[in-house]
């Protein structure tokens, strides 16, 4: 259960700050980098979820694959940004490299959400089995 909560904290904060920012600015504002910036929470949640899935012998492959894919996407987006000099500001935030990095970050965010849903499903499965 703790792992699931840790996974949802970055997503929840992103939604709350988007709601507040949108109301104050009068246009849609969302910090889609927040789950990446709070990766330590996502990593801790994933590890706890992975331990829970291994102990209960449920959803092991799904939890491992989702967390691994999220980690790979986050690492690849950062590596692409650094190697392309996008991270240093040497090239402008536009064009195909920008969209590639942005796409990987958005997929990472979506995988964190799916992992959080998997955590809810795992908690429910364990609760109903007990």
C-alpha atoms as a PDB file:
ATOM      1  CA  UNK A   1       0.000   0.000   0.000  1.00  0.00           C
ATOM      2  CA  UNK A   2       2.837   2.402   0.848  1.00  0.00           C
ATOM      3  CA  UNK A   3       4.430   1.817  -2.549  1.00  0.00           C
ATOM      4  CA  UNK A   4       1.183   2.716  -4.287  1.00  0.00           C
ATOM      5  CA  UNK A   5       0.857   5.930  -2.281  1.00  0.00           C
ATOM      6  CA  UNK A   6       4.460   6.887  -3.082  1.00  0.00           C
ATOM      7  CA  UNK A   7       3.783   6.359  -6.795  1.00  0.00           C
ATOM      8  CA  UNK A   8       0.692   8.580  -6.735  1.00  0.00           C
ATOM      9  CA  UNK A   9       2.303  11.497  -4.845  1.00  0.00           C
ATOM     10  CA  UNK A  10       4.124  12.976  -7.903  1.00  0.00           C
ATOM     11  CA  UNK A  11       1.053  12.521 -10.098  1.00  0.00           C
ATOM     12  CA  UNK A  12      -1.230  14.043  -7.467  1.00  0.00           C
ATOM     13  CA  UNK A  13       1.078  17.017  -6.977  1.00  0.00           C
ATOM     14  CA  UNK A  14       1.228  17.530 -10.734  1.00  0.00           C
ATOM     15  CA  UNK A  15      -2.567  17.581 -10.944  1.00  0.00           C
ATOM     16  CA  UNK A  16      -3.022  19.874  -7.922  1.00  0.00           C
ATOM     17  CA  UNK A  17      -0.438  22.399  -9.131  1.00  0.00           C
ATOM     18  CA  UNK A  18      -1.926  22.238 -12.638  1.00  0.00           C
ATOM     19  CA  UNK A  19      -5.367  23.029 -11.245  1.00  0.00           C
ATOM     20  CA  UNK A  20      -4.089  25.929  -9.129  1.00  0.00           C
ATOM     21  CA  UNK A  21      -1.867  27.293 -11.901  1.00  0.00           C
ATOM     22  CA  UNK A  22      -4.617  27.030 -14.484  1.00  0.00           C
ATOM     23  CA  UNK A  23      -7.075  28.893 -12.275  1.00  0.00           C
ATOM     24  CA  UNK A  24      -4.621  31.680 -11.471  1.00  0.00           C
ATOM     25  CA  UNK A  25      -3.267  32.101 -15.016  1.00  0.00           C
ATOM     26  CA  UNK A  26      -6.531  31.610 -16.874  1.00  0.00           C
ATOM     27  CA  UNK A  27      -4.936  29.073 -19.234  1.00  0.00           C
ATOM     28  CA  UNK A  28      -3.853  25.459 -18.964  1.00  0.00           C
ATOM     29  CA  UNK A  29      -0.563  25.095 -17.099  1.00  0.00           C
ATOM     30  CA  UNK A  30       0.890  21.704 -16.148  1.00  0.00           C
ATOM     31  CA  UNK A  31       4.323  20.741 -14.859  1.00  0.00           C
ATOM     32  CA  UNK A  32       4.689  17.390 -16.622  1.00  0.00           C
ATOM     33  CA  UNK A  33       8.322  17.256 -15.398  1.00  0.00           C
ATOM     34  CA  UNK A  34       7.183  16.810 -11.781  1.00  0.00           C
ATOM     35  CA  UNK A  35       7.073  12.976 -11.794  1.00  0.00           C
ATOM     36  CA  UNK A  36      10.592  12.992 -13.252  1.00  0.00           C
ATOM     37  CA  UNK A  37      11.784  15.538 -10.689  1.00  0.00           C
ATOM     38  CA  UNK A  38      10.325  13.399  -7.903  1.00  0.00           C
ATOM     39  CA  UNK A  39      11.826  10.190  -9.292  1.00  0.00           C
ATOM     40  CA  UNK A  40      13.104   9.179  -5.857  1.00  0.00           C
ATOM     41  CA  UNK A  41       9.474   8.744  -4.742  1.00  0.00           C
ATOM     42  CA  UNK A  42       8.616   6.789  -7.887  1.00  0.00           C
ATOM     43  CA  UNK A  43      11.678   4.571  -7.412  1.00  0.00           C
ATOM     44  CA  UNK A  44      10.872   3.912  -3.744  1.00  0.00           C
ATOM     45  CA  UNK A  45       7.238   3.149  -4.625  1.00  0.00           C
ATOM     46  CA  UNK A  46       8.261   0.827  -7.431  1.00  0.00           C
ATOM     47  CA  UNK A  47      10.685  -1.078  -5.195  1.00  0.00           C
ATOM     48  CA  UNK A  48       8.021  -1.515  -2.519  1.00  0.00           C
ATOM     49  CA  UNK A  49       5.479  -2.605  -5.123  1.00  0.00           C
ATOM     50  CA  UNK A  50       7.986  -5.040  -6.605  1.00  0.00           C
ATOM     51  CA  UNK A  51       8.696  -6.527  -3.167  1.00  0.00           C
ATOM     52  CA  UNK A  52       4.957  -6.814  -2.516  1.00  0.00           C
ATOM     53  CA  UNK A  53       4.348  -8.520  -5.839  1.00  0.00           C
ATOM     54  CA  UNK A  54       7.197 -10.966  -5.236  1.00  0.00           C
ATOM     55  CA  UNK A  55       5.998 -11.817  -1.722  1.00  0.00           C
ATOM     56  CA  UNK A  56       2.385 -12.321  -2.806  1.00  0.00           C
ATOM     57  CA  UNK A  57       3.355 -14.000  -6.101  1.00  0.00           C
ATOM     58  CA  UNK A  58       0.965 -11.700  -8.006  1.00  0.00           C
ATOM     59  CA  UNK A  59       1.591  -9.340 -10.932  1.00  0.00           C
ATOM     60  CA  UNK A  60       5.384  -9.801 -10.690  1.00  0.00           C
ATOM     61  CA  UNK A  61       6.102  -9.487 -14.405  1.00  0.00           C
ATOM     62  CA  UNK A  62       3.745  -6.536 -14.891  1.00  0.00           C
ATOM     63  CA  UNK A  63       5.186  -4.542 -11.996  1.00  0.00           C
ATOM     64  CA  UNK A  64       8.776  -5.320 -12.997  1.00  0.00           C
ATOM     65  CA  UNK A  65       8.184  -4.492 -16.662  1.00  0.00           C
ATOM     66  CA  UNK A  66       6.318  -1.238 -16.005  1.00  0.00           C
ATOM     67  CA  UNK A  67       8.907   0.018 -13.533  1.00  0.00           C
ATOM     68  CA  UNK A  68      11.799  -1.038 -15.740  1.00  0.00           C
ATOM     69  CA  UNK A  69      10.282   0.616 -18.793  1.00  0.00           C
ATOM     70  CA  UNK A  70       9.651   3.825 -16.824  1.00  0.00           C
ATOM     71  CA  UNK A  71      13.262   3.874 -15.646  1.00  0.00           C
ATOM     72  CA  UNK A  72      14.584   3.267 -19.165  1.00  0.00           C
ATOM     73  CA  UNK A  73      12.387   6.035 -20.628  1.00  0.00           C
ATOM     74  CA  UNK A  74      13.444   8.553 -17.996  1.00  0.00           C
ATOM     75  CA  UNK A  75      17.134   7.694 -18.410  1.00  0.00           C
ATOM     76  CA  UNK A  76      16.844   7.773 -22.222  1.00  0.00           C
ATOM     77  CA  UNK A  77      15.113  11.157 -22.203  1.00  0.00           C
ATOM     78  CA  UNK A  78      17.813  12.652 -20.001  1.00  0.00           C
ATOM     79  CA  UNK A  79      20.612  11.077 -22.030  1.00  0.00           C
ATOM     80  CA  UNK A  80      19.084  12.330 -25.280  1.00  0.00           C
ATOM     81  CA  UNK A  81      18.717  15.844 -23.861  1.00  0.00           C
ATOM     82  CA  UNK A  82      22.338  15.900 -22.675  1.00  0.00           C
ATOM     83  CA  UNK A  83      23.872  14.382 -25.819  1.00  0.00           C
ATOM     84  CA  UNK A  84      21.892  16.672 -28.113  1.00  0.00           C
ATOM     85  CA  UNK A  85      22.923  19.706 -25.987  1.00  0.00           C
ATOM     86  CA  UNK A  86      19.245  20.458 -25.404  1.00  0.00           C
ATOM     87  CA  UNK A  87      19.774  20.207 -21.637  1.00  0.00           C
ATOM     88  CA  UNK A  88      22.510  22.847 -21.639  1.00  0.00           C
ATOM     89  CA  UNK A  89      20.471  25.275 -23.730  1.00  0.00           C
ATOM     90  CA  UNK A  90      22.968  25.174 -26.603  1.00  0.00           C
ATOM     91  CA  UNK A  91      20.128  24.309 -28.959  1.00  0.00           C
ATOM     92  CA  UNK A  92      16.599  25.721 -28.659  1.00  0.00           C
ATOM     93  CA  UNK A  93      13.713  23.688 -27.262  1.00  0.00           C
ATOM     94  CA  UNK A  94      12.139  22.956 -30.623  1.00  0.00           C
ATOM     95  CA  UNK A  95      12.329  20.476 -33.443  1.00  0.00           C
ATOM     96  CA  UNK A  96      12.485  16.693 -33.520  1.00  0.00           C
ATOM     97  CA  UNK A  97      14.907  16.245 -30.601  1.00  0.00           C
ATOM     98  CA  UNK A  98      12.696  18.362 -28.329  1.00  0.00           C
ATOM     99  CA  UNK A  99       9.626  16.342 -29.319  1.00  0.00           C
ATOM    100  CA  UNK A 100      11.507  13.079 -28.781  1.00  0.00           C
ATOM    101  CA  UNK A 101      12.595  14.083 -25.263  1.00  0.00           C
ATOM    102  CA  UNK A 102       9.141  15.447 -24.490  1.00  0.00           C
ATOM    103  CA  UNK A 103       7.491  12.282 -25.815  1.00  0.00           C
ATOM    104  CA  UNK A 104       9.688  10.066 -23.660  1.00  0.00           C
ATOM    105  CA  UNK A 105       8.883  12.162 -20.578  1.00  0.00           C
ATOM    106  CA  UNK A 106       5.157  11.983 -21.298  1.00  0.00           C
ATOM    107  CA  UNK A 107       5.388   8.203 -21.752  1.00  0.00           C
ATOM    108  CA  UNK A 108       7.285   8.032 -18.455  1.00  0.00           C
ATOM    109  CA  UNK A 109       4.467   9.970 -16.764  1.00  0.00           C
ATOM    110  CA  UNK A 110       1.895   7.609 -18.255  1.00  0.00           C
ATOM    111  CA  UNK A 111       3.860   4.566 -17.105  1.00  0.00           C
ATOM    112  CA  UNK A 112       3.978   5.965 -13.562  1.00  0.00           C
ATOM    113  CA  UNK A 113       0.181   6.328 -13.684  1.00  0.00           C
ATOM    114  CA  UNK A 114      -0.235   2.766 -15.000  1.00  0.00           C
ATOM    115  CA  UNK A 115       2.149   1.511 -12.303  1.00  0.00           C
ATOM    116  CA  UNK A 116       0.050   3.317  -9.698  1.00  0.00           C
ATOM    117  CA  UNK A 117      -3.082   1.647 -11.049  1.00  0.00           C
ATOM    118  CA  UNK A 118      -1.259  -1.704 -10.920  1.00  0.00           C
ATOM    119  CA  UNK A 119      -0.449  -0.962  -7.284  1.00  0.00           C
ATOM    120  CA  UNK A 120      -4.121  -0.358  -6.545  1.00  0.00           C
ATOM    121  CA  UNK A 121      -5.025  -3.610  -8.304  1.00  0.00           C
ATOM    122  CA  UNK A 122      -2.334  -5.503  -6.375  1.00  0.00           C
ATOM    123  CA  UNK A 123      -3.540  -4.083  -3.060  1.00  0.00           C
ATOM    124  CA  UNK A 124      -7.112  -5.060  -3.928  1.00  0.00           C
ATOM    125  CA  UNK A 125      -6.072  -8.574  -4.978  1.00  0.00           C
ATOM    126  CA  UNK A 126      -4.164  -9.110  -1.738  1.00  0.00           C
ATOM    127  CA  UNK A 127      -7.034  -7.731   0.353  1.00  0.00           C
ATOM    128  CA  UNK A 128      -9.664  -9.943  -1.297  1.00  0.00           C
ATOM    129  CA  UNK A 129      -7.453 -13.035  -1.064  1.00  0.00           C
ATOM    130  CA  UNK A 130      -6.949 -12.612   2.687  1.00  0.00           C
END
